Amino acid sequence: MSFSAAQAQDLAMNAFLHVIRQPELIAGFMAATGLKADDLRQLAARPEAGLQALDFLLEDDARVLEAARAIGCRPQDLLAARVALAGPGSYGWEAG
């Protein structure tokens, strides 16, 4: 599926909300990004919050599958949204 920028941003923000609602995910996200609680609050107001959440989720197949189930999308939609936001090859992968 191809995403418009607006659709990709919506899915990315849903991914961000999914991450911050899961204690085990938010702890891993903060550790991976080096963010502190105050940084997280500031990040939430910026569009790149969703992109960073997608990057974090896409690092682990289990995270992708759980997030897709929770958000109500196909697992491959998470990568497609990431590509739509940052451009093809920006993460070293291509959406199929």
C-alpha atoms as a PDB file:
ATOM      1  CA  MET A   1       0.000   0.000   0.000  1.00  0.00           C
ATOM      2  CA  SER A   2       1.230   3.458  -0.828  1.00  0.00           C
ATOM      3  CA  PHE A   3       0.688   6.151   1.770  1.00  0.00           C
ATOM      4  CA  SER A   4       0.205   9.866   1.347  1.00  0.00           C
ATOM      5  CA  ALA A   5       2.271  12.006   3.698  1.00  0.00           C
ATOM      6  CA  ALA A   6      -0.828  12.678   5.820  1.00  0.00           C
ATOM      7  CA  GLN A   7      -1.766   8.983   6.023  1.00  0.00           C
ATOM      8  CA  ALA A   8       1.811   8.046   6.873  1.00  0.00           C
ATOM      9  CA  GLN A   9       1.964  10.701   9.588  1.00  0.00           C
ATOM     10  CA  ASP A  10      -1.322   9.481  11.072  1.00  0.00           C
ATOM     11  CA  LEU A  11      -0.064   5.898  11.195  1.00  0.00           C
ATOM     12  CA  ALA A  12       3.269   7.053  12.625  1.00  0.00           C
ATOM     13  CA  MET A  13       1.545   8.983  15.402  1.00  0.00           C
ATOM     14  CA  ASN A  14      -0.599   5.927  16.159  1.00  0.00           C
ATOM     15  CA  ALA A  15       2.658   3.966  16.410  1.00  0.00           C
ATOM     16  CA  PHE A  16       4.051   6.588  18.794  1.00  0.00           C
ATOM     17  CA  LEU A  17       0.915   6.394  20.945  1.00  0.00           C
ATOM     18  CA  HIS A  18       1.180   2.605  20.958  1.00  0.00           C
ATOM     19  CA  VAL A  19       4.783   2.799  22.156  1.00  0.00           C
ATOM     20  CA  ILE A  20       4.117   5.284  24.942  1.00  0.00           C
ATOM     21  CA  ARG A  21       1.121   3.296  26.224  1.00  0.00           C
ATOM     22  CA  GLN A  22       3.174   0.131  26.716  1.00  0.00           C
ATOM     23  CA  PRO A  23       5.504   0.300  29.758  1.00  0.00           C
ATOM     24  CA  GLU A  24       7.957  -2.251  28.340  1.00  0.00           C
ATOM     25  CA  LEU A  25       8.050  -0.478  24.983  1.00  0.00           C
ATOM     26  CA  ILE A  26       8.417   3.048  26.325  1.00  0.00           C
ATOM     27  CA  ALA A  27      11.298   1.950  28.544  1.00  0.00           C
ATOM     28  CA  GLY A  28      13.049   0.370  25.552  1.00  0.00           C
ATOM     29  CA  PHE A  29      12.269   3.364  23.342  1.00  0.00           C
ATOM     30  CA  MET A  30      13.710   5.788  25.881  1.00  0.00           C
ATOM     31  CA  ALA A  31      16.794   3.625  26.366  1.00  0.00           C
ATOM     32  CA  ALA A  32      17.336   3.268  22.609  1.00  0.00           C
ATOM     33  CA  THR A  33      16.914   6.977  21.916  1.00  0.00           C
ATOM     34  CA  GLY A  34      18.518   8.328  25.087  1.00  0.00           C
ATOM     35  CA  LEU A  35      15.399  10.356  25.815  1.00  0.00           C
ATOM     36  CA  LYS A  36      14.415  11.376  29.328  1.00  0.00           C
ATOM     37  CA  ALA A  37      10.807  11.900  30.447  1.00  0.00           C
ATOM     38  CA  ASP A  38      10.968  15.652  29.770  1.00  0.00           C
ATOM     39  CA  ASP A  39      12.466  15.002  26.314  1.00  0.00           C
ATOM     40  CA  LEU A  40       9.635  12.594  25.572  1.00  0.00           C
ATOM     41  CA  ARG A  41       7.035  15.237  26.377  1.00  0.00           C
ATOM     42  CA  GLN A  42       8.737  17.675  23.992  1.00  0.00           C
ATOM     43  CA  LEU A  43       9.126  15.016  21.277  1.00  0.00           C
ATOM     44  CA  ALA A  44       5.409  14.195  21.457  1.00  0.00           C
ATOM     45  CA  ALA A  45       4.621  17.665  20.114  1.00  0.00           C
ATOM     46  CA  ARG A  46       6.876  17.258  17.055  1.00  0.00           C
ATOM     47  CA  PRO A  47       6.067  15.398  13.813  1.00  0.00           C
ATOM     48  CA  GLU A  48       9.241  13.299  14.007  1.00  0.00           C
ATOM     49  CA  ALA A  49       7.901  11.536  17.100  1.00  0.00           C
ATOM     50  CA  GLY A  50       6.038   9.088  14.900  1.00  0.00           C
ATOM     51  CA  LEU A  51       9.040   8.489  12.671  1.00  0.00           C
ATOM     52  CA  GLN A  52      11.209   7.688  15.690  1.00  0.00           C
ATOM     53  CA  ALA A  53       8.534   5.328  17.005  1.00  0.00           C
ATOM     54  CA  LEU A  54       8.382   3.560  13.633  1.00  0.00           C
ATOM     55  CA  ASP A  55      12.170   3.200  13.625  1.00  0.00           C
ATOM     56  CA  PHE A  56      12.040   1.655  17.088  1.00  0.00           C
ATOM     57  CA  LEU A  57       9.214  -0.734  16.219  1.00  0.00           C
ATOM     58  CA  LEU A  58      10.814  -1.803  12.941  1.00  0.00           C
ATOM     59  CA  GLU A  59      13.960  -2.997  14.742  1.00  0.00           C
ATOM     60  CA  ASP A  60      12.138  -6.088  16.025  1.00  0.00           C
ATOM     61  CA  ASP A  61       9.675  -8.373  14.239  1.00  0.00           C
ATOM     62  CA  ALA A  62       7.715  -9.071  17.428  1.00  0.00           C
ATOM     63  CA  ARG A  63       7.272  -5.337  18.012  1.00  0.00           C
ATOM     64  CA  VAL A  64       6.076  -4.885  14.429  1.00  0.00           C
ATOM     65  CA  LEU A  65       3.534  -7.667  14.698  1.00  0.00           C
ATOM     66  CA  GLU A  66       2.196  -6.490  18.064  1.00  0.00           C
ATOM     67  CA  ALA A  67       1.993  -2.851  16.986  1.00  0.00           C
ATOM     68  CA  ALA A  68       0.228  -3.735  13.733  1.00  0.00           C
ATOM     69  CA  ARG A  69      -2.315  -5.807  15.644  1.00  0.00           C
ATOM     70  CA  ALA A  70      -2.862  -3.067  18.235  1.00  0.00           C
ATOM     71  CA  ILE A  71      -3.084  -0.249  15.686  1.00  0.00           C
ATOM     72  CA  GLY A  72      -5.198  -2.245  13.245  1.00  0.00           C
ATOM     73  CA  CYS A  73      -2.929  -2.228  10.223  1.00  0.00           C
ATOM     74  CA  ARG A  74      -0.867  -4.738   8.283  1.00  0.00           C
ATOM     75  CA  PRO A  75       2.728  -5.211   9.535  1.00  0.00           C
ATOM     76  CA  GLN A  76       4.130  -4.049   6.185  1.00  0.00           C
ATOM     77  CA  ASP A  77       2.156  -0.808   6.518  1.00  0.00           C
ATOM     78  CA  LEU A  78       4.516   0.308   9.279  1.00  0.00           C
ATOM     79  CA  LEU A  79       7.496   0.165   6.921  1.00  0.00           C
ATOM     80  CA  ALA A  80       5.493   1.693   4.073  1.00  0.00           C
ATOM     81  CA  ALA A  81       4.543   4.627   6.308  1.00  0.00           C
ATOM     82  CA  ARG A  82       8.155   5.056   7.373  1.00  0.00           C
ATOM     83  CA  VAL A  83       9.286   5.117   3.735  1.00  0.00           C
ATOM     84  CA  ALA A  84       6.545   7.602   2.871  1.00  0.00           C
ATOM     85  CA  LEU A  85       7.755   9.929   5.624  1.00  0.00           C
ATOM     86  CA  ALA A  86      11.513   9.666   5.147  1.00  0.00           C
ATOM     87  CA  GLY A  87      11.905   8.499   1.573  1.00  0.00           C
ATOM     88  CA  PRO A  88      12.877   5.196  -0.065  1.00  0.00           C
ATOM     89  CA  GLY A  89      16.093   3.661   1.170  1.00  0.00           C
ATOM     90  CA  SER A  90      16.277   6.021   4.137  1.00  0.00           C
ATOM     91  CA  TYR A  91      16.426   3.084   6.527  1.00  0.00           C
ATOM     92  CA  GLY A  92      18.322   0.753   4.245  1.00  0.00           C
ATOM     93  CA  TRP A  93      15.184  -1.156   3.270  1.00  0.00           C
ATOM     94  CA  GLU A  94      12.652  -0.885   0.524  1.00  0.00           C
ATOM     95  CA  ALA A  95       8.949  -1.501   1.098  1.00  0.00           C
ATOM     96  CA  GLY A  96       7.686  -4.403  -0.969  1.00  0.00           C
END
